[in-house]
Amino acid sequence: MDLRWLEWAKQIQAISQNGLAYSKDIYDLERFEQLRELSIEILNEYSDVEPALIRELFASETGYATPKVDIRGVIVKEDQVLLVREKADGGWALPGGWADIGLSPKEIVVKEVEEEAGLKVAPVRLLGVLDKKFHHHPPSPYHVYKIFILCEAVSGEAAPGIETSEVGYFAEDQLPELSLERNTPEQIRCLLQMVRNQETESLLD
């Protein structure tokens, strides 16, 4: 499936957002606003999403346009990886979520794992920083960096949270149906291999 239109729409949106943030000329501001409207029209034409929702989720941010950051915790026990079942789509994922302003990546992964899986963890090692566009995720209106952090469980019992319905440990060859928006089978298998071999360098796209 050719998704060049999606990349074009995201680039146009980023250019318009940056222009609206820094331009002072009233005519330039009008042109950048027209570009933003064009990006909304492109997404509306090629997707089933209502224009109002596109504007709210895709074209309402201000300031310099930067990628979103998704942080995931990797907890392994007896060569099995901890996954949580997301209520949003029913798929399984490494516990995690969007980065929060004011918190470091370590603080975010600790918070997210406890909220989604019931465990208190200690971050151990950065496993990778991946660009979502290079991996087999569903199309997204956002440019996303995904950070994977190896964590060690220090206390608590595995239990679902507000956004999750189940928690479990899974072997590499017995992965459940994954939430591909959040992680892919290839990513999880690669991360497990890195955990087995501590000398492996961190992944970096």
N, C-alpha and C. Protein backbone atom coordinates (compact mmCIF):
# COMPACT_ATOMS: atom_id res chain seq x y z
N MET A 1 0.85 -1.20 0.00
CA MET A 1 0.00 0.00 0.00
C MET A 1 0.88 1.25 0.00
N ASP A 2 0.66 2.11 -1.00
CA ASP A 2 1.46 3.32 -1.14
C ASP A 2 0.94 4.39 -0.16
N LEU A 3 1.77 4.73 0.82
CA LEU A 3 1.36 5.71 1.83
C LEU A 3 2.16 7.01 1.72
N ARG A 4 2.63 7.31 0.51
CA ARG A 4 3.37 8.56 0.37
C ARG A 4 2.51 9.77 0.70
N TRP A 5 1.21 9.66 0.42
CA TRP A 5 0.31 10.77 0.74
C TRP A 5 0.33 11.08 2.23
N LEU A 6 0.47 10.05 3.07
CA LEU A 6 0.50 10.27 4.52
C LEU A 6 1.77 10.99 4.93
N GLU A 7 2.91 10.59 4.35
CA GLU A 7 4.16 11.27 4.65
C GLU A 7 4.12 12.72 4.17
N TRP A 8 3.54 12.95 3.00
CA TRP A 8 3.41 14.32 2.50
C TRP A 8 2.53 15.16 3.43
N ALA A 9 1.43 14.59 3.87
CA ALA A 9 0.53 15.33 4.76
C ALA A 9 1.23 15.67 6.07
N LYS A 10 2.00 14.73 6.61
CA LYS A 10 2.71 15.00 7.87
C LYS A 10 3.77 16.08 7.68
N GLN A 11 4.47 16.05 6.54
CA GLN A 11 5.49 17.07 6.30
C GLN A 11 4.86 18.45 6.10
N ILE A 12 3.75 18.49 5.38
CA ILE A 12 3.06 19.77 5.18
C ILE A 12 2.58 20.32 6.51
N GLN A 13 2.00 19.43 7.35
CA GLN A 13 1.53 19.86 8.67
C GLN A 13 2.68 20.40 9.50
N ALA A 14 3.85 19.74 9.49
CA ALA A 14 4.99 20.19 10.27
C ALA A 14 5.50 21.55 9.79
N ILE A 15 5.57 21.72 8.46
CA ILE A 15 6.00 23.01 7.90
C ILE A 15 5.04 24.12 8.31
N SER A 16 3.75 23.84 8.22
CA SER A 16 2.76 24.86 8.58
C SER A 16 2.82 25.19 10.07
N GLN A 17 2.98 24.17 10.91
CA GLN A 17 3.04 24.41 12.36
C GLN A 17 4.26 25.24 12.72
N ASN A 18 5.42 24.93 12.11
CA ASN A 18 6.64 25.71 12.38
C ASN A 18 6.48 27.14 11.89
N GLY A 19 5.87 27.29 10.72
CA GLY A 19 5.68 28.63 10.18
C GLY A 19 4.74 29.45 11.05
N LEU A 20 3.66 28.85 11.52
CA LEU A 20 2.73 29.57 12.40
C LEU A 20 3.38 29.93 13.73
N ALA A 21 4.35 29.13 14.17
CA ALA A 21 5.01 29.39 15.45
C ALA A 21 6.01 30.54 15.36
N TYR A 22 6.66 30.71 14.21
CA TYR A 22 7.79 31.64 14.15
C TYR A 22 7.61 32.81 13.19
N SER A 23 6.67 32.71 12.26
CA SER A 23 6.50 33.80 11.31
C SER A 23 5.80 34.99 11.96
N LYS A 24 6.19 36.21 11.55
CA LYS A 24 5.57 37.43 12.06
C LYS A 24 4.72 38.14 11.00
N ASP A 25 5.00 37.84 9.73
CA ASP A 25 4.30 38.51 8.64
C ASP A 25 2.87 37.96 8.51
N ILE A 26 1.89 38.85 8.46
CA ILE A 26 0.49 38.43 8.45
C ILE A 26 0.17 37.61 7.20
N TYR A 27 0.80 37.95 6.06
CA TYR A 27 0.53 37.22 4.82
C TYR A 27 1.15 35.82 4.87
N ASP A 28 2.34 35.72 5.46
CA ASP A 28 2.96 34.40 5.62
C ASP A 28 2.11 33.53 6.56
N LEU A 29 1.59 34.14 7.62
CA LEU A 29 0.76 33.39 8.55
C LEU A 29 -0.47 32.83 7.85
N GLU A 30 -1.05 33.62 6.94
CA GLU A 30 -2.20 33.15 6.18
C GLU A 30 -1.83 31.97 5.30
N ARG A 31 -0.64 32.05 4.68
CA ARG A 31 -0.19 30.95 3.80
C ARG A 31 0.07 29.68 4.61
N PHE A 32 0.67 29.82 5.79
CA PHE A 32 0.93 28.64 6.61
C PHE A 32 -0.38 28.03 7.12
N GLU A 33 -1.37 28.88 7.38
CA GLU A 33 -2.68 28.36 7.79
C GLU A 33 -3.32 27.60 6.62
N GLN A 34 -3.12 28.10 5.39
CA GLN A 34 -3.63 27.39 4.22
C GLN A 34 -2.95 26.03 4.07
N LEU A 35 -1.65 25.98 4.34
CA LEU A 35 -0.94 24.70 4.29
C LEU A 35 -1.50 23.72 5.31
N ARG A 36 -1.78 24.21 6.50
CA ARG A 36 -2.34 23.33 7.53
C ARG A 36 -3.69 22.78 7.07
N GLU A 37 -4.53 23.65 6.48
CA GLU A 37 -5.82 23.19 5.97
C GLU A 37 -5.63 22.15 4.86
N LEU A 38 -4.61 22.34 4.05
CA LEU A 38 -4.32 21.38 2.98
C LEU A 38 -3.96 20.02 3.55
N SER A 39 -3.17 20.00 4.62
CA SER A 39 -2.80 18.73 5.24
C SER A 39 -4.03 18.01 5.79
N ILE A 40 -4.97 18.78 6.33
CA ILE A 40 -6.22 18.19 6.85
C ILE A 40 -7.04 17.62 5.70
N GLU A 41 -7.10 18.34 4.58
CA GLU A 41 -7.86 17.87 3.42
C GLU A 41 -7.28 16.57 2.87
N ILE A 42 -5.95 16.45 2.86
CA ILE A 42 -5.30 15.24 2.35
C ILE A 42 -5.69 14.05 3.22
N LEU A 43 -5.58 14.19 4.54
CA LEU A 43 -5.94 13.10 5.43
C LEU A 43 -7.42 12.75 5.32
N ASN A 44 -8.26 13.76 5.18
CA ASN A 44 -9.69 13.52 5.05
C ASN A 44 -10.01 12.78 3.76
N GLU A 45 -9.29 13.10 2.68
CA GLU A 45 -9.55 12.48 1.38
C GLU A 45 -9.17 11.00 1.36
N TYR A 46 -8.07 10.66 2.04
CA TYR A 46 -7.54 9.30 1.95
C TYR A 46 -7.83 8.45 3.19
N SER A 47 -8.59 8.96 4.14
CA SER A 47 -8.93 8.18 5.32
C SER A 47 -10.41 8.35 5.63
N ASP A 48 -10.87 7.60 6.63
CA ASP A 48 -12.28 7.66 7.03
C ASP A 48 -12.49 8.56 8.25
N VAL A 49 -11.47 9.30 8.63
CA VAL A 49 -11.54 10.11 9.84
C VAL A 49 -12.21 11.46 9.53
N GLU A 50 -13.10 11.88 10.42
CA GLU A 50 -13.80 13.14 10.23
C GLU A 50 -12.82 14.32 10.32
N PRO A 51 -13.03 15.37 9.52
CA PRO A 51 -12.14 16.54 9.53
C PRO A 51 -11.97 17.16 10.92
N ALA A 52 -13.05 17.20 11.70
CA ALA A 52 -12.97 17.81 13.04
C ALA A 52 -12.01 17.02 13.92
N LEU A 53 -12.05 15.70 13.82
CA LEU A 53 -11.15 14.87 14.62
C LEU A 53 -9.72 14.99 14.12
N ILE A 54 -9.54 15.06 12.81
CA ILE A 54 -8.20 15.26 12.25
C ILE A 54 -7.61 16.57 12.77
N ARG A 55 -8.44 17.61 12.78
CA ARG A 55 -7.96 18.91 13.25
C ARG A 55 -7.58 18.83 14.73
N GLU A 56 -8.38 18.13 15.52
CA GLU A 56 -8.12 18.04 16.95
C GLU A 56 -6.86 17.24 17.26
N LEU A 57 -6.68 16.11 16.59
CA LEU A 57 -5.58 15.21 16.92
C LEU A 57 -4.30 15.51 16.13
N PHE A 58 -4.45 15.99 14.92
CA PHE A 58 -3.32 16.09 14.00
C PHE A 58 -2.85 17.52 13.77
N ALA A 59 -3.77 18.47 13.79
CA ALA A 59 -3.42 19.82 13.36
C ALA A 59 -3.80 20.88 14.37
N SER A 60 -3.70 20.57 15.65
CA SER A 60 -4.06 21.57 16.66
C SER A 60 -2.87 21.95 17.55
N GLU A 61 -1.73 21.31 17.36
CA GLU A 61 -0.58 21.62 18.20
C GLU A 61 0.06 22.94 17.77
N THR A 62 0.75 23.55 18.71
CA THR A 62 1.44 24.81 18.43
C THR A 62 2.91 24.66 18.79
N GLY A 63 3.72 25.64 18.39
CA GLY A 63 5.14 25.56 18.64
C GLY A 63 5.84 24.73 17.58
N TYR A 64 7.15 24.59 17.73
CA TYR A 64 7.93 23.85 16.74
C TYR A 64 7.50 22.39 16.72
N ALA A 65 7.29 21.85 15.53
CA ALA A 65 6.83 20.47 15.40
C ALA A 65 7.97 19.49 15.66
N THR A 66 7.77 18.57 16.59
CA THR A 66 8.78 17.56 16.91
C THR A 66 8.10 16.19 16.98
N PRO A 67 8.88 15.11 16.86
CA PRO A 67 8.30 13.77 16.98
C PRO A 67 7.73 13.53 18.37
N LYS A 68 6.71 12.69 18.45
CA LYS A 68 6.21 12.21 19.74
C LYS A 68 7.13 11.10 20.23
N VAL A 69 7.15 10.87 21.54
CA VAL A 69 8.03 9.87 22.13
C VAL A 69 7.20 8.85 22.89
N ASP A 70 7.35 7.59 22.51
CA ASP A 70 6.66 6.47 23.15
C ASP A 70 7.69 5.64 23.90
N ILE A 71 7.47 5.41 25.19
CA ILE A 71 8.46 4.72 26.04
C ILE A 71 7.86 3.40 26.53
N ARG A 72 8.60 2.31 26.33
CA ARG A 72 8.13 0.97 26.69
C ARG A 72 9.12 0.27 27.61
N GLY A 73 8.58 -0.44 28.60
CA GLY A 73 9.41 -1.20 29.52
C GLY A 73 9.52 -2.66 29.11
N VAL A 74 10.72 -3.19 29.16
CA VAL A 74 10.96 -4.59 28.81
C VAL A 74 11.34 -5.34 30.08
N ILE A 75 10.44 -6.19 30.57
CA ILE A 75 10.67 -6.97 31.79
C ILE A 75 10.68 -8.45 31.40
N VAL A 76 11.77 -9.14 31.71
CA VAL A 76 11.93 -10.53 31.30
C VAL A 76 12.13 -11.40 32.54
N LYS A 77 11.41 -12.53 32.59
CA LYS A 77 11.56 -13.50 33.66
C LYS A 77 11.61 -14.89 33.06
N GLU A 78 12.69 -15.61 33.35
CA GLU A 78 12.86 -16.97 32.83
C GLU A 78 12.68 -17.00 31.31
N ASP A 79 13.30 -16.03 30.65
CA ASP A 79 13.31 -15.92 29.19
C ASP A 79 11.92 -15.66 28.61
N GLN A 80 11.00 -15.17 29.42
CA GLN A 80 9.68 -14.77 28.95
C GLN A 80 9.48 -13.28 29.18
N VAL A 81 8.82 -12.62 28.25
CA VAL A 81 8.65 -11.17 28.31
C VAL A 81 7.27 -10.82 28.85
N LEU A 82 7.23 -9.79 29.67
CA LEU A 82 5.96 -9.31 30.25
C LEU A 82 5.22 -8.47 29.22
N LEU A 83 3.94 -8.83 28.99
CA LEU A 83 3.08 -8.07 28.10
C LEU A 83 1.77 -7.76 28.80
N VAL A 84 1.15 -6.65 28.42
CA VAL A 84 -0.16 -6.28 28.95
C VAL A 84 -1.14 -6.21 27.79
N ARG A 85 -2.39 -6.56 28.09
CA ARG A 85 -3.43 -6.50 27.06
C ARG A 85 -4.12 -5.15 27.11
N GLU A 86 -4.04 -4.41 26.01
CA GLU A 86 -4.57 -3.06 25.95
C GLU A 86 -6.09 -3.08 25.77
N LYS A 87 -6.80 -2.35 26.62
CA LYS A 87 -8.25 -2.24 26.46
C LYS A 87 -8.62 -1.53 25.17
N ALA A 88 -7.74 -0.64 24.72
CA ALA A 88 -8.06 0.19 23.55
C ALA A 88 -8.29 -0.64 22.29
N ASP A 89 -7.49 -1.69 22.08
CA ASP A 89 -7.64 -2.47 20.86
C ASP A 89 -7.62 -3.98 21.09
N GLY A 90 -7.46 -4.42 22.35
CA GLY A 90 -7.45 -5.84 22.64
C GLY A 90 -6.15 -6.54 22.37
N GLY A 91 -5.17 -5.83 21.82
CA GLY A 91 -3.87 -6.42 21.52
C GLY A 91 -2.93 -6.33 22.72
N TRP A 92 -1.83 -7.11 22.65
CA TRP A 92 -0.86 -7.16 23.74
C TRP A 92 0.34 -6.29 23.41
N ALA A 93 0.93 -5.71 24.47
CA ALA A 93 2.04 -4.79 24.25
C ALA A 93 2.97 -4.77 25.46
N LEU A 94 4.19 -4.35 25.21
CA LEU A 94 5.07 -4.01 26.31
C LEU A 94 4.45 -2.84 27.06
N PRO A 95 4.44 -2.84 28.40
CA PRO A 95 3.83 -1.72 29.12
C PRO A 95 4.56 -0.41 28.82
N GLY A 96 3.77 0.64 28.64
CA GLY A 96 4.39 1.94 28.34
C GLY A 96 3.37 2.92 27.80
N GLY A 97 3.86 4.03 27.29
CA GLY A 97 2.98 5.06 26.74
C GLY A 97 3.74 6.30 26.35
N TRP A 98 2.98 7.37 26.06
CA TRP A 98 3.59 8.63 25.65
C TRP A 98 4.43 9.23 26.77
N ALA A 99 5.52 9.88 26.38
CA ALA A 99 6.35 10.58 27.35
C ALA A 99 5.60 11.78 27.92
N ASP A 100 5.78 12.03 29.22
CA ASP A 100 5.13 13.15 29.90
C ASP A 100 6.12 14.28 30.12
N ILE A 101 5.66 15.51 29.95
CA ILE A 101 6.48 16.68 30.23
C ILE A 101 6.88 16.66 31.71
N GLY A 102 8.13 16.93 31.99
CA GLY A 102 8.61 17.04 33.36
C GLY A 102 9.17 15.75 33.93
N LEU A 103 9.03 14.63 33.22
CA LEU A 103 9.55 13.36 33.70
C LEU A 103 10.64 12.86 32.75
N SER A 104 11.65 12.22 33.31
CA SER A 104 12.72 11.63 32.51
C SER A 104 12.24 10.31 31.93
N PRO A 105 12.93 9.77 30.91
CA PRO A 105 12.55 8.46 30.38
C PRO A 105 12.50 7.38 31.45
N LYS A 106 13.46 7.37 32.39
CA LYS A 106 13.44 6.39 33.47
C LYS A 106 12.21 6.56 34.34
N GLU A 107 11.88 7.80 34.69
CA GLU A 107 10.71 8.04 35.54
C GLU A 107 9.42 7.63 34.83
N ILE A 108 9.36 7.87 33.53
CA ILE A 108 8.16 7.52 32.77
C ILE A 108 7.97 6.01 32.73
N VAL A 109 9.05 5.26 32.44
CA VAL A 109 8.89 3.81 32.33
C VAL A 109 8.50 3.20 33.67
N VAL A 110 9.04 3.72 34.78
CA VAL A 110 8.65 3.24 36.10
C VAL A 110 7.17 3.48 36.34
N LYS A 111 6.70 4.68 36.02
CA LYS A 111 5.29 5.05 36.22
C LYS A 111 4.38 4.20 35.34
N GLU A 112 4.72 4.05 34.07
CA GLU A 112 3.86 3.33 33.14
C GLU A 112 3.76 1.84 33.48
N VAL A 113 4.89 1.22 33.85
CA VAL A 113 4.85 -0.20 34.18
C VAL A 113 3.98 -0.44 35.41
N GLU A 114 4.11 0.42 36.41
CA GLU A 114 3.29 0.24 37.61
C GLU A 114 1.81 0.45 37.30
N GLU A 115 1.49 1.46 36.49
CA GLU A 115 0.09 1.74 36.16
C GLU A 115 -0.54 0.64 35.31
N GLU A 116 0.23 0.06 34.39
CA GLU A 116 -0.33 -0.88 33.44
C GLU A 116 -0.15 -2.34 33.85
N ALA A 117 0.89 -2.63 34.66
CA ALA A 117 1.19 -4.03 34.98
C ALA A 117 1.30 -4.31 36.48
N GLY A 118 1.18 -3.27 37.34
CA GLY A 118 1.17 -3.47 38.77
C GLY A 118 2.51 -3.72 39.42
N LEU A 119 3.60 -3.61 38.66
CA LEU A 119 4.93 -3.89 39.19
C LEU A 119 5.74 -2.63 39.40
N LYS A 120 6.48 -2.58 40.50
CA LYS A 120 7.48 -1.54 40.68
C LYS A 120 8.78 -2.07 40.08
N VAL A 121 9.39 -1.26 39.20
CA VAL A 121 10.57 -1.72 38.50
C VAL A 121 11.71 -0.72 38.65
N ALA A 122 12.91 -1.22 38.38
CA ALA A 122 14.11 -0.38 38.33
C ALA A 122 14.66 -0.43 36.90
N PRO A 123 14.77 0.71 36.23
CA PRO A 123 15.35 0.72 34.88
C PRO A 123 16.81 0.26 34.93
N VAL A 124 17.18 -0.58 33.98
CA VAL A 124 18.52 -1.18 33.98
C VAL A 124 19.36 -0.73 32.79
N ARG A 125 18.74 -0.71 31.60
CA ARG A 125 19.55 -0.50 30.39
C ARG A 125 18.68 0.00 29.26
N LEU A 126 19.20 0.94 28.49
CA LEU A 126 18.53 1.38 27.27
C LEU A 126 18.77 0.35 26.18
N LEU A 127 17.68 -0.24 25.68
CA LEU A 127 17.82 -1.25 24.64
C LEU A 127 17.75 -0.66 23.24
N GLY A 128 16.97 0.39 23.07
CA GLY A 128 16.90 0.94 21.73
C GLY A 128 16.05 2.18 21.62
N VAL A 129 16.35 2.97 20.58
CA VAL A 129 15.53 4.12 20.18
C VAL A 129 15.22 3.92 18.70
N LEU A 130 13.96 3.64 18.40
CA LEU A 130 13.56 3.31 17.04
C LEU A 130 12.60 4.36 16.48
N ASP A 131 12.71 4.58 15.17
CA ASP A 131 11.79 5.45 14.46
C ASP A 131 10.66 4.59 13.91
N LYS A 132 9.45 4.89 14.31
CA LYS A 132 8.29 4.06 13.96
C LYS A 132 8.14 3.85 12.45
N LYS A 133 8.59 4.82 11.66
CA LYS A 133 8.37 4.73 10.21
C LYS A 133 9.18 3.62 9.57
N PHE A 134 10.22 3.13 10.24
CA PHE A 134 11.05 2.07 9.67
C PHE A 134 10.58 0.67 10.03
N HIS A 135 9.47 0.56 10.75
CA HIS A 135 9.02 -0.74 11.24
C HIS A 135 7.58 -1.00 10.81
N HIS A 136 7.12 -2.24 10.98
CA HIS A 136 5.84 -2.66 10.42
C HIS A 136 4.67 -2.31 11.35
N HIS A 137 4.52 -1.02 11.59
CA HIS A 137 3.38 -0.52 12.36
C HIS A 137 2.29 -0.04 11.41
N PRO A 138 1.04 0.02 11.86
CA PRO A 138 -0.01 0.60 11.03
C PRO A 138 0.28 2.07 10.73
N PRO A 139 -0.28 2.62 9.66
CA PRO A 139 -0.08 4.04 9.35
C PRO A 139 -0.51 4.93 10.51
N SER A 140 0.23 6.00 10.72
CA SER A 140 -0.05 6.91 11.83
C SER A 140 0.14 8.35 11.37
N PRO A 141 -0.69 9.28 11.86
CA PRO A 141 -0.51 10.69 11.50
C PRO A 141 0.67 11.34 12.21
N TYR A 142 1.27 10.63 13.17
CA TYR A 142 2.36 11.19 13.95
C TYR A 142 3.70 10.58 13.56
N HIS A 143 4.74 11.37 13.70
CA HIS A 143 6.10 10.86 13.59
C HIS A 143 6.52 10.49 15.02
N VAL A 144 6.85 9.20 15.24
CA VAL A 144 7.04 8.70 16.60
C VAL A 144 8.41 8.06 16.78
N TYR A 145 9.10 8.43 17.86
CA TYR A 145 10.29 7.71 18.31
C TYR A 145 9.87 6.77 19.43
N LYS A 146 10.32 5.53 19.37
CA LYS A 146 9.98 4.53 20.38
C LYS A 146 11.24 4.18 21.18
N ILE A 147 11.16 4.36 22.50
CA ILE A 147 12.28 4.07 23.39
C ILE A 147 11.96 2.80 24.19
N PHE A 148 12.87 1.83 24.14
CA PHE A 148 12.69 0.58 24.86
C PHE A 148 13.74 0.49 25.97
N ILE A 149 13.27 0.29 27.21
CA ILE A 149 14.16 0.28 28.37
C ILE A 149 14.01 -1.04 29.10
N LEU A 150 15.12 -1.74 29.30
CA LEU A 150 15.12 -2.98 30.09
C LEU A 150 14.92 -2.63 31.55
N CYS A 151 13.98 -3.30 32.21
CA CYS A 151 13.68 -3.02 33.61
C CYS A 151 13.72 -4.31 34.43
N GLU A 152 14.01 -4.16 35.70
CA GLU A 152 14.01 -5.29 36.63
C GLU A 152 12.89 -5.09 37.63
N ALA A 153 12.03 -6.11 37.78
CA ALA A 153 10.95 -6.03 38.76
C ALA A 153 11.52 -6.12 40.17
N VAL A 154 11.15 -5.16 41.02
CA VAL A 154 11.68 -5.15 42.39
C VAL A 154 10.62 -5.44 43.44
N SER A 155 9.37 -5.21 43.13
CA SER A 155 8.29 -5.51 44.08
C SER A 155 6.95 -5.45 43.36
N GLY A 156 5.91 -5.88 44.08
CA GLY A 156 4.57 -5.86 43.52
C GLY A 156 4.21 -7.16 42.84
N GLU A 157 2.93 -7.28 42.49
CA GLU A 157 2.41 -8.44 41.79
C GLU A 157 1.84 -7.99 40.45
N ALA A 158 2.12 -8.79 39.42
CA ALA A 158 1.61 -8.45 38.10
C ALA A 158 0.08 -8.41 38.11
N ALA A 159 -0.48 -7.26 37.70
CA ALA A 159 -1.93 -7.08 37.70
C ALA A 159 -2.29 -5.98 36.71
N PRO A 160 -3.43 -6.10 36.02
CA PRO A 160 -3.83 -5.08 35.06
C PRO A 160 -4.18 -3.76 35.73
N GLY A 161 -4.19 -2.69 34.93
CA GLY A 161 -4.52 -1.36 35.43
C GLY A 161 -5.73 -0.79 34.72
N ILE A 162 -5.88 0.51 34.76
CA ILE A 162 -7.05 1.19 34.19
C ILE A 162 -7.12 0.97 32.67
N GLU A 163 -5.97 0.99 31.99
CA GLU A 163 -5.95 0.90 30.54
C GLU A 163 -5.67 -0.51 30.03
N THR A 164 -5.47 -1.47 30.95
CA THR A 164 -5.14 -2.83 30.54
C THR A 164 -6.11 -3.82 31.19
N SER A 165 -6.31 -4.97 30.53
CA SER A 165 -7.25 -5.96 31.03
C SER A 165 -6.58 -7.25 31.50
N GLU A 166 -5.36 -7.52 31.04
CA GLU A 166 -4.63 -8.73 31.45
C GLU A 166 -3.14 -8.44 31.45
N VAL A 167 -2.41 -9.26 32.22
CA VAL A 167 -0.96 -9.20 32.26
C VAL A 167 -0.42 -10.62 32.21
N GLY A 168 0.63 -10.85 31.45
CA GLY A 168 1.20 -12.19 31.38
C GLY A 168 2.61 -12.19 30.85
N TYR A 169 3.31 -13.29 31.10
CA TYR A 169 4.65 -13.50 30.56
C TYR A 169 4.56 -14.48 29.39
N PHE A 170 5.28 -14.19 28.31
CA PHE A 170 5.17 -14.99 27.10
C PHE A 170 6.55 -15.32 26.54
N ALA A 171 6.67 -16.56 26.06
CA ALA A 171 7.90 -16.99 25.40
C ALA A 171 7.96 -16.39 23.99
N GLU A 172 9.17 -16.31 23.47
CA GLU A 172 9.38 -15.70 22.15
C GLU A 172 8.58 -16.39 21.06
N ASP A 173 8.43 -17.72 21.15
CA ASP A 173 7.71 -18.46 20.12
C ASP A 173 6.23 -18.65 20.44
N GLN A 174 5.74 -17.97 21.48
CA GLN A 174 4.33 -18.08 21.85
C GLN A 174 3.72 -16.71 22.12
N LEU A 175 4.11 -15.73 21.34
CA LEU A 175 3.58 -14.38 21.52
C LEU A 175 2.09 -14.34 21.16
N PRO A 176 1.28 -13.63 21.94
CA PRO A 176 -0.14 -13.48 21.61
C PRO A 176 -0.31 -12.46 20.49
N GLU A 177 -1.56 -12.22 20.12
CA GLU A 177 -1.84 -11.19 19.11
C GLU A 177 -1.45 -9.83 19.66
N LEU A 178 -0.52 -9.18 18.99
CA LEU A 178 0.05 -7.94 19.51
C LEU A 178 -0.72 -6.71 19.05
N SER A 179 -0.60 -5.65 19.84
CA SER A 179 -1.08 -4.33 19.45
C SER A 179 0.00 -3.72 18.57
N LEU A 180 -0.16 -3.84 17.26
CA LEU A 180 0.89 -3.44 16.33
C LEU A 180 1.13 -1.94 16.33
N GLU A 181 0.17 -1.19 16.80
CA GLU A 181 0.38 0.25 16.96
C GLU A 181 1.50 0.51 17.96
N ARG A 182 1.67 -0.40 18.92
CA ARG A 182 2.61 -0.19 20.03
C ARG A 182 3.91 -0.97 19.87
N ASN A 183 3.85 -2.18 19.34
CA ASN A 183 5.06 -2.98 19.15
C ASN A 183 4.79 -4.08 18.14
N THR A 184 5.87 -4.55 17.50
CA THR A 184 5.76 -5.60 16.50
C THR A 184 6.44 -6.87 17.01
N PRO A 185 6.09 -8.05 16.44
CA PRO A 185 6.77 -9.28 16.84
C PRO A 185 8.29 -9.20 16.62
N GLU A 186 8.69 -8.59 15.51
CA GLU A 186 10.12 -8.48 15.23
C GLU A 186 10.84 -7.69 16.30
N GLN A 187 10.22 -6.61 16.76
CA GLN A 187 10.84 -5.80 17.80
C GLN A 187 11.00 -6.59 19.10
N ILE A 188 9.96 -7.30 19.50
CA ILE A 188 10.02 -8.04 20.76
C ILE A 188 11.05 -9.15 20.68
N ARG A 189 11.11 -9.87 19.56
CA ARG A 189 12.11 -10.93 19.42
C ARG A 189 13.52 -10.35 19.46
N CYS A 190 13.72 -9.23 18.81
CA CYS A 190 15.03 -8.59 18.82
C CYS A 190 15.41 -8.14 20.22
N LEU A 191 14.46 -7.58 20.96
CA LEU A 191 14.72 -7.12 22.32
C LEU A 191 15.07 -8.30 23.23
N LEU A 192 14.38 -9.42 23.07
CA LEU A 192 14.69 -10.60 23.87
C LEU A 192 16.10 -11.11 23.59
N GLN A 193 16.50 -11.08 22.33
CA GLN A 193 17.85 -11.49 21.98
C GLN A 193 18.89 -10.57 22.63
N MET A 194 18.57 -9.27 22.70
CA MET A 194 19.49 -8.33 23.33
C MET A 194 19.60 -8.58 24.83
N VAL A 195 18.49 -8.96 25.45
CA VAL A 195 18.52 -9.25 26.88
C VAL A 195 19.40 -10.47 27.15
N ARG A 196 19.34 -11.46 26.26
CA ARG A 196 20.16 -12.66 26.43
C ARG A 196 21.64 -12.35 26.25
N ASN A 197 21.94 -11.42 25.37
CA ASN A 197 23.34 -11.05 25.09
C ASN A 197 23.57 -9.61 25.52
N GLN A 198 24.08 -9.43 26.73
CA GLN A 198 24.22 -8.10 27.30
C GLN A 198 25.28 -7.26 26.60
N GLU A 199 26.09 -7.87 25.76
CA GLU A 199 27.13 -7.12 25.05
C GLU A 199 26.61 -6.50 23.76
N THR A 200 25.38 -6.83 23.40
CA THR A 200 24.79 -6.26 22.19
C THR A 200 24.59 -4.76 22.34
N GLU A 201 24.98 -4.00 21.31
CA GLU A 201 24.80 -2.56 21.35
C GLU A 201 23.31 -2.19 21.25
N SER A 202 22.98 -1.04 21.81
CA SER A 202 21.60 -0.55 21.76
C SER A 202 21.18 -0.34 20.30
N LEU A 203 19.89 -0.58 20.04
CA LEU A 203 19.35 -0.34 18.70
C LEU A 203 19.17 1.16 18.48
N LEU A 204 19.49 1.61 17.28
CA LEU A 204 19.32 3.03 16.98
C LEU A 204 19.03 3.18 15.49
N ASP A 205 17.84 3.71 15.18
CA ASP A 205 17.49 3.97 13.78
C ASP A 205 18.10 5.29 13.32
